[in-house]
Amino acid sequence: MHIQYRKEDGVYILEEVDEHRGNKVRHEISRNREIAVAYDHRDSVLHKHGNVESVTRWYHDAVKRIREAGYPEDALDLRLVTSDRWPVDALNRIIQISGIVTKVVEEVCAEAEADDLFPSID
């Protein structure tokens, strides 16, 4: 069983996929037109992904808590990227492979920057 994104009619669908005995069962978890990814840039650790409002709220709360704990430099390592133009394969690599989020985000941003397409980065 694993989770994955797919895009249908401009909407990102996060689903749980269970492949058992040749049968593929899909359970829809959420639908969003825009996806947010919160991660630690230095350590390339994915913290949250999905709904922009909830991930953004988590991001701002985490930055505040880290600063209040006396680690303002560590708070600078957290990143938030939101977009309605994520390549689905990039999102799936981010959520399925540990330690790859920073590399994938940088690749996607570089490609999209050339096309003037992408995203909001905090």
N, C-alpha and C. Protein backbone atom coordinates (compact mmCIF):
# COMPACT_ATOMS: atom_id res chain seq x y z
N MET A 1 0.84 -1.17 0.00
CA MET A 1 0.00 0.00 0.00
C MET A 1 0.89 1.24 0.00
N HIS A 2 0.52 2.23 -0.80
CA HIS A 2 1.26 3.48 -0.84
C HIS A 2 0.30 4.62 -1.21
N ILE A 3 0.77 5.85 -0.99
CA ILE A 3 -0.03 6.99 -1.41
C ILE A 3 0.63 7.61 -2.64
N GLN A 4 -0.18 8.24 -3.45
CA GLN A 4 0.34 8.88 -4.65
C GLN A 4 -0.62 9.97 -5.10
N TYR A 5 -0.06 10.92 -5.85
CA TYR A 5 -0.87 11.95 -6.47
C TYR A 5 -1.16 11.58 -7.91
N ARG A 6 -2.31 12.02 -8.38
CA ARG A 6 -2.60 12.03 -9.81
C ARG A 6 -3.36 13.33 -10.07
N LYS A 7 -3.41 13.75 -11.31
CA LYS A 7 -4.08 15.00 -11.64
C LYS A 7 -5.16 14.72 -12.66
N GLU A 8 -6.33 15.24 -12.36
CA GLU A 8 -7.48 15.00 -13.22
C GLU A 8 -8.28 16.30 -13.33
N ASP A 9 -8.45 16.80 -14.52
CA ASP A 9 -9.20 18.04 -14.76
C ASP A 9 -8.69 19.21 -13.92
N GLY A 10 -7.37 19.33 -13.80
CA GLY A 10 -6.77 20.44 -13.07
C GLY A 10 -6.79 20.29 -11.56
N VAL A 11 -7.19 19.13 -11.07
CA VAL A 11 -7.28 18.88 -9.63
C VAL A 11 -6.30 17.77 -9.25
N TYR A 12 -5.50 18.03 -8.22
CA TYR A 12 -4.60 17.01 -7.69
C TYR A 12 -5.40 16.11 -6.75
N ILE A 13 -5.28 14.83 -6.97
CA ILE A 13 -5.98 13.86 -6.14
C ILE A 13 -4.93 13.02 -5.43
N LEU A 14 -4.95 13.07 -4.10
CA LEU A 14 -4.07 12.21 -3.30
C LEU A 14 -4.86 10.96 -3.00
N GLU A 15 -4.26 9.82 -3.33
CA GLU A 15 -4.98 8.57 -3.13
C GLU A 15 -4.07 7.52 -2.52
N GLU A 16 -4.71 6.62 -1.82
CA GLU A 16 -4.04 5.46 -1.27
C GLU A 16 -4.28 4.31 -2.25
N VAL A 17 -3.22 3.66 -2.65
CA VAL A 17 -3.33 2.58 -3.62
C VAL A 17 -2.88 1.29 -2.97
N ASP A 18 -3.73 0.30 -3.06
CA ASP A 18 -3.41 -1.02 -2.50
C ASP A 18 -3.47 -2.02 -3.65
N GLU A 19 -2.32 -2.61 -3.94
CA GLU A 19 -2.27 -3.62 -4.99
C GLU A 19 -2.11 -4.98 -4.33
N HIS A 20 -3.15 -5.78 -4.47
CA HIS A 20 -3.17 -7.07 -3.81
C HIS A 20 -3.69 -8.11 -4.80
N ARG A 21 -2.89 -9.12 -5.05
CA ARG A 21 -3.26 -10.21 -5.95
C ARG A 21 -3.69 -9.70 -7.33
N GLY A 22 -2.95 -8.71 -7.82
CA GLY A 22 -3.24 -8.20 -9.14
C GLY A 22 -4.36 -7.18 -9.20
N ASN A 23 -5.03 -6.94 -8.09
CA ASN A 23 -6.10 -5.95 -8.05
C ASN A 23 -5.56 -4.64 -7.51
N LYS A 24 -5.96 -3.56 -8.13
CA LYS A 24 -5.54 -2.24 -7.67
C LYS A 24 -6.77 -1.55 -7.07
N VAL A 25 -6.70 -1.24 -5.78
CA VAL A 25 -7.80 -0.57 -5.09
C VAL A 25 -7.33 0.83 -4.75
N ARG A 26 -8.12 1.82 -5.16
CA ARG A 26 -7.78 3.22 -4.91
C ARG A 26 -8.77 3.81 -3.90
N HIS A 27 -8.23 4.50 -2.92
CA HIS A 27 -9.05 5.21 -1.94
C HIS A 27 -8.63 6.67 -1.96
N GLU A 28 -9.55 7.54 -2.35
CA GLU A 28 -9.23 8.96 -2.45
C GLU A 28 -9.12 9.58 -1.05
N ILE A 29 -8.02 10.31 -0.84
CA ILE A 29 -7.78 10.97 0.45
C ILE A 29 -8.17 12.44 0.38
N SER A 30 -7.76 13.11 -0.69
CA SER A 30 -8.08 14.54 -0.80
C SER A 30 -8.04 15.01 -2.24
N ARG A 31 -8.65 16.18 -2.47
CA ARG A 31 -8.65 16.83 -3.78
C ARG A 31 -8.28 18.29 -3.56
N ASN A 32 -7.31 18.78 -4.33
CA ASN A 32 -6.88 20.17 -4.22
C ASN A 32 -6.45 20.69 -5.59
N ARG A 33 -6.76 21.95 -5.86
CA ARG A 33 -6.31 22.57 -7.12
C ARG A 33 -4.86 23.03 -7.02
N GLU A 34 -4.39 23.23 -5.80
CA GLU A 34 -3.03 23.69 -5.55
C GLU A 34 -2.44 22.83 -4.44
N ILE A 35 -1.16 22.55 -4.53
CA ILE A 35 -0.48 21.71 -3.54
C ILE A 35 0.64 22.50 -2.88
N ALA A 36 0.77 22.35 -1.57
CA ALA A 36 1.86 22.95 -0.81
C ALA A 36 2.78 21.85 -0.30
N VAL A 37 4.07 22.18 -0.27
CA VAL A 37 5.08 21.25 0.25
C VAL A 37 5.93 22.03 1.26
N ALA A 38 6.00 21.53 2.49
CA ALA A 38 6.84 22.12 3.53
C ALA A 38 7.96 21.14 3.84
N TYR A 39 9.19 21.66 3.84
CA TYR A 39 10.33 20.76 4.02
C TYR A 39 11.51 21.52 4.62
N ASP A 40 12.47 20.76 5.11
CA ASP A 40 13.73 21.30 5.61
C ASP A 40 14.72 21.29 4.45
N HIS A 41 15.12 22.47 4.04
CA HIS A 41 16.00 22.61 2.88
C HIS A 41 17.38 22.00 3.13
N ARG A 42 17.91 22.20 4.31
CA ARG A 42 19.27 21.71 4.61
C ARG A 42 19.31 20.18 4.69
N ASP A 43 18.35 19.59 5.40
CA ASP A 43 18.35 18.14 5.61
C ASP A 43 17.53 17.37 4.58
N SER A 44 16.80 18.09 3.72
CA SER A 44 15.94 17.49 2.71
C SER A 44 14.93 16.53 3.32
N VAL A 45 14.28 17.00 4.40
CA VAL A 45 13.25 16.22 5.07
C VAL A 45 11.89 16.82 4.74
N LEU A 46 11.01 16.01 4.19
CA LEU A 46 9.64 16.43 3.93
C LEU A 46 8.87 16.44 5.24
N HIS A 47 8.22 17.57 5.55
CA HIS A 47 7.42 17.65 6.77
C HIS A 47 5.94 17.53 6.49
N LYS A 48 5.43 18.24 5.49
CA LYS A 48 4.00 18.23 5.18
C LYS A 48 3.81 18.44 3.68
N HIS A 49 2.71 17.93 3.16
CA HIS A 49 2.31 18.18 1.78
C HIS A 49 0.80 18.10 1.70
N GLY A 50 0.24 18.79 0.71
CA GLY A 50 -1.20 18.70 0.51
C GLY A 50 -1.87 20.06 0.47
N ASN A 51 -2.99 20.16 1.14
CA ASN A 51 -3.83 21.36 1.16
C ASN A 51 -3.02 22.59 1.55
N VAL A 52 -3.10 23.63 0.74
CA VAL A 52 -2.28 24.82 0.94
C VAL A 52 -2.55 25.47 2.30
N GLU A 53 -3.80 25.61 2.67
CA GLU A 53 -4.12 26.27 3.94
C GLU A 53 -3.54 25.52 5.14
N SER A 54 -3.73 24.22 5.20
CA SER A 54 -3.25 23.47 6.37
C SER A 54 -1.73 23.37 6.40
N VAL A 55 -1.10 23.19 5.24
CA VAL A 55 0.37 23.11 5.21
C VAL A 55 0.98 24.47 5.53
N THR A 56 0.39 25.54 5.03
CA THR A 56 0.89 26.89 5.32
C THR A 56 0.76 27.19 6.80
N ARG A 57 -0.37 26.82 7.39
CA ARG A 57 -0.57 27.02 8.83
C ARG A 57 0.49 26.25 9.63
N TRP A 58 0.72 24.98 9.25
CA TRP A 58 1.74 24.18 9.93
C TRP A 58 3.11 24.86 9.80
N TYR A 59 3.45 25.32 8.60
CA TYR A 59 4.74 25.95 8.34
C TYR A 59 4.94 27.17 9.24
N HIS A 60 3.97 28.07 9.28
CA HIS A 60 4.13 29.28 10.09
C HIS A 60 4.21 28.96 11.58
N ASP A 61 3.43 27.99 12.04
CA ASP A 61 3.50 27.56 13.44
C ASP A 61 4.87 26.94 13.76
N ALA A 62 5.39 26.13 12.85
CA ALA A 62 6.69 25.49 13.08
C ALA A 62 7.81 26.52 13.13
N VAL A 63 7.80 27.48 12.20
CA VAL A 63 8.82 28.53 12.20
C VAL A 63 8.76 29.31 13.51
N LYS A 64 7.57 29.66 13.94
CA LYS A 64 7.39 30.40 15.20
C LYS A 64 7.92 29.60 16.39
N ARG A 65 7.56 28.33 16.48
CA ARG A 65 8.02 27.49 17.60
C ARG A 65 9.54 27.34 17.62
N ILE A 66 10.13 27.15 16.45
CA ILE A 66 11.59 26.98 16.38
C ILE A 66 12.29 28.27 16.81
N ARG A 67 11.80 29.41 16.37
CA ARG A 67 12.38 30.69 16.77
C ARG A 67 12.22 30.92 18.27
N GLU A 68 11.03 30.65 18.78
CA GLU A 68 10.78 30.83 20.22
C GLU A 68 11.63 29.91 21.08
N ALA A 69 12.02 28.77 20.52
CA ALA A 69 12.87 27.83 21.26
C ALA A 69 14.33 28.26 21.25
N GLY A 70 14.62 29.36 20.54
CA GLY A 70 15.98 29.88 20.53
C GLY A 70 16.83 29.44 19.37
N TYR A 71 16.21 28.97 18.29
CA TYR A 71 16.95 28.49 17.13
C TYR A 71 16.52 29.21 15.85
N PRO A 72 16.70 30.53 15.79
CA PRO A 72 16.23 31.28 14.61
C PRO A 72 16.91 30.84 13.31
N GLU A 73 18.17 30.41 13.38
CA GLU A 73 18.85 29.97 12.17
C GLU A 73 18.23 28.69 11.62
N ASP A 74 17.81 27.80 12.51
CA ASP A 74 17.18 26.56 12.06
C ASP A 74 15.83 26.83 11.40
N ALA A 75 15.13 27.86 11.87
CA ALA A 75 13.85 28.22 11.26
C ALA A 75 14.03 28.64 9.81
N LEU A 76 15.19 29.18 9.49
CA LEU A 76 15.46 29.61 8.12
C LEU A 76 15.59 28.43 7.16
N ASP A 77 15.83 27.23 7.70
CA ASP A 77 15.96 26.05 6.85
C ASP A 77 14.63 25.51 6.35
N LEU A 78 13.54 25.88 7.03
CA LEU A 78 12.23 25.42 6.59
C LEU A 78 11.81 26.17 5.34
N ARG A 79 11.22 25.47 4.40
CA ARG A 79 10.75 26.07 3.16
C ARG A 79 9.29 25.66 2.92
N LEU A 80 8.58 26.54 2.25
CA LEU A 80 7.21 26.27 1.85
C LEU A 80 7.09 26.61 0.37
N VAL A 81 6.65 25.65 -0.43
CA VAL A 81 6.46 25.86 -1.85
C VAL A 81 5.01 25.50 -2.17
N THR A 82 4.32 26.42 -2.83
CA THR A 82 2.94 26.16 -3.24
C THR A 82 2.81 26.38 -4.74
N SER A 83 2.00 25.55 -5.37
CA SER A 83 1.79 25.72 -6.81
C SER A 83 0.59 24.92 -7.27
N ASP A 84 0.02 25.37 -8.37
CA ASP A 84 -1.02 24.59 -9.05
C ASP A 84 -0.44 23.94 -10.31
N ARG A 85 0.88 23.99 -10.43
CA ARG A 85 1.54 23.45 -11.62
C ARG A 85 2.64 22.44 -11.30
N TRP A 86 2.50 21.75 -10.19
CA TRP A 86 3.46 20.71 -9.85
C TRP A 86 3.38 19.58 -10.89
N PRO A 87 4.50 19.12 -11.37
CA PRO A 87 4.47 17.88 -12.15
C PRO A 87 4.12 16.72 -11.20
N VAL A 88 3.18 15.90 -11.58
CA VAL A 88 2.72 14.81 -10.71
C VAL A 88 3.87 13.87 -10.37
N ASP A 89 4.74 13.58 -11.33
CA ASP A 89 5.85 12.68 -11.05
C ASP A 89 6.78 13.27 -9.98
N ALA A 90 6.95 14.59 -9.97
CA ALA A 90 7.79 15.23 -8.94
C ALA A 90 7.15 15.10 -7.57
N LEU A 91 5.86 15.34 -7.47
CA LEU A 91 5.17 15.18 -6.18
C LEU A 91 5.30 13.75 -5.68
N ASN A 92 5.11 12.80 -6.56
CA ASN A 92 5.19 11.40 -6.13
C ASN A 92 6.60 11.01 -5.71
N ARG A 93 7.61 11.52 -6.37
CA ARG A 93 8.99 11.24 -5.93
C ARG A 93 9.22 11.84 -4.54
N ILE A 94 8.72 13.06 -4.33
CA ILE A 94 8.91 13.74 -3.04
C ILE A 94 8.30 12.94 -1.90
N ILE A 95 7.10 12.41 -2.11
CA ILE A 95 6.43 11.72 -1.00
C ILE A 95 6.84 10.26 -0.86
N GLN A 96 7.47 9.71 -1.89
CA GLN A 96 7.80 8.29 -1.83
C GLN A 96 9.28 7.99 -1.58
N ILE A 97 10.16 8.98 -1.76
CA ILE A 97 11.59 8.74 -1.60
C ILE A 97 12.15 9.70 -0.55
N SER A 98 12.66 9.15 0.53
CA SER A 98 13.22 9.97 1.61
C SER A 98 14.45 10.72 1.15
N GLY A 99 14.59 11.96 1.62
CA GLY A 99 15.80 12.74 1.41
C GLY A 99 15.96 13.35 0.04
N ILE A 100 14.90 13.36 -0.76
CA ILE A 100 15.03 13.84 -2.13
C ILE A 100 14.29 15.16 -2.37
N VAL A 101 13.54 15.63 -1.39
CA VAL A 101 12.65 16.78 -1.61
C VAL A 101 13.40 18.03 -2.06
N THR A 102 14.53 18.36 -1.45
CA THR A 102 15.26 19.57 -1.82
C THR A 102 15.71 19.50 -3.28
N LYS A 103 16.26 18.39 -3.68
CA LYS A 103 16.73 18.21 -5.05
C LYS A 103 15.58 18.33 -6.04
N VAL A 104 14.47 17.69 -5.75
CA VAL A 104 13.33 17.71 -6.67
C VAL A 104 12.75 19.11 -6.78
N VAL A 105 12.58 19.80 -5.65
CA VAL A 105 12.04 21.15 -5.69
C VAL A 105 12.96 22.07 -6.49
N GLU A 106 14.25 21.96 -6.28
CA GLU A 106 15.19 22.79 -7.03
C GLU A 106 15.12 22.50 -8.53
N GLU A 107 15.00 21.23 -8.90
CA GLU A 107 14.88 20.86 -10.31
C GLU A 107 13.60 21.43 -10.92
N VAL A 108 12.49 21.25 -10.22
CA VAL A 108 11.20 21.72 -10.73
C VAL A 108 11.19 23.24 -10.85
N CYS A 109 11.72 23.91 -9.84
CA CYS A 109 11.76 25.37 -9.88
C CYS A 109 12.65 25.87 -11.01
N ALA A 110 13.79 25.22 -11.23
CA ALA A 110 14.69 25.64 -12.31
C ALA A 110 14.02 25.46 -13.67
N GLU A 111 13.36 24.33 -13.86
CA GLU A 111 12.67 24.08 -15.13
C GLU A 111 11.54 25.08 -15.33
N ALA A 112 10.76 25.32 -14.29
CA ALA A 112 9.62 26.21 -14.39
C ALA A 112 10.05 27.67 -14.53
N GLU A 113 11.14 28.03 -13.88
CA GLU A 113 11.64 29.40 -13.98
C GLU A 113 11.97 29.74 -15.42
N ALA A 114 12.50 28.79 -16.11
CA ALA A 114 12.83 29.00 -17.52
C ALA A 114 11.55 29.26 -18.34
N ASP A 115 10.46 28.66 -17.89
CA ASP A 115 9.16 28.85 -18.57
C ASP A 115 8.31 29.93 -17.90
N ASP A 116 8.82 30.53 -16.82
CA ASP A 116 8.10 31.54 -16.04
C ASP A 116 6.76 31.01 -15.54
N LEU A 117 6.77 29.79 -15.00
CA LEU A 117 5.54 29.14 -14.58
C LEU A 117 5.35 28.99 -13.09
N PHE A 118 6.39 28.97 -12.31
CA PHE A 118 6.28 28.35 -11.01
C PHE A 118 6.44 29.29 -9.88
N PRO A 119 6.62 28.77 -8.79
CA PRO A 119 5.71 28.81 -7.68
C PRO A 119 6.04 29.90 -6.71
N SER A 120 5.31 29.84 -5.67
CA SER A 120 5.52 30.75 -4.55
C SER A 120 6.40 30.02 -3.54
N ILE A 121 7.55 30.58 -3.22
CA ILE A 121 8.45 29.97 -2.24
C ILE A 121 8.63 30.92 -1.09
N ASP A 122 8.35 30.46 0.13
CA ASP A 122 8.60 31.26 1.36
C ASP A 122 9.89 30.81 1.97
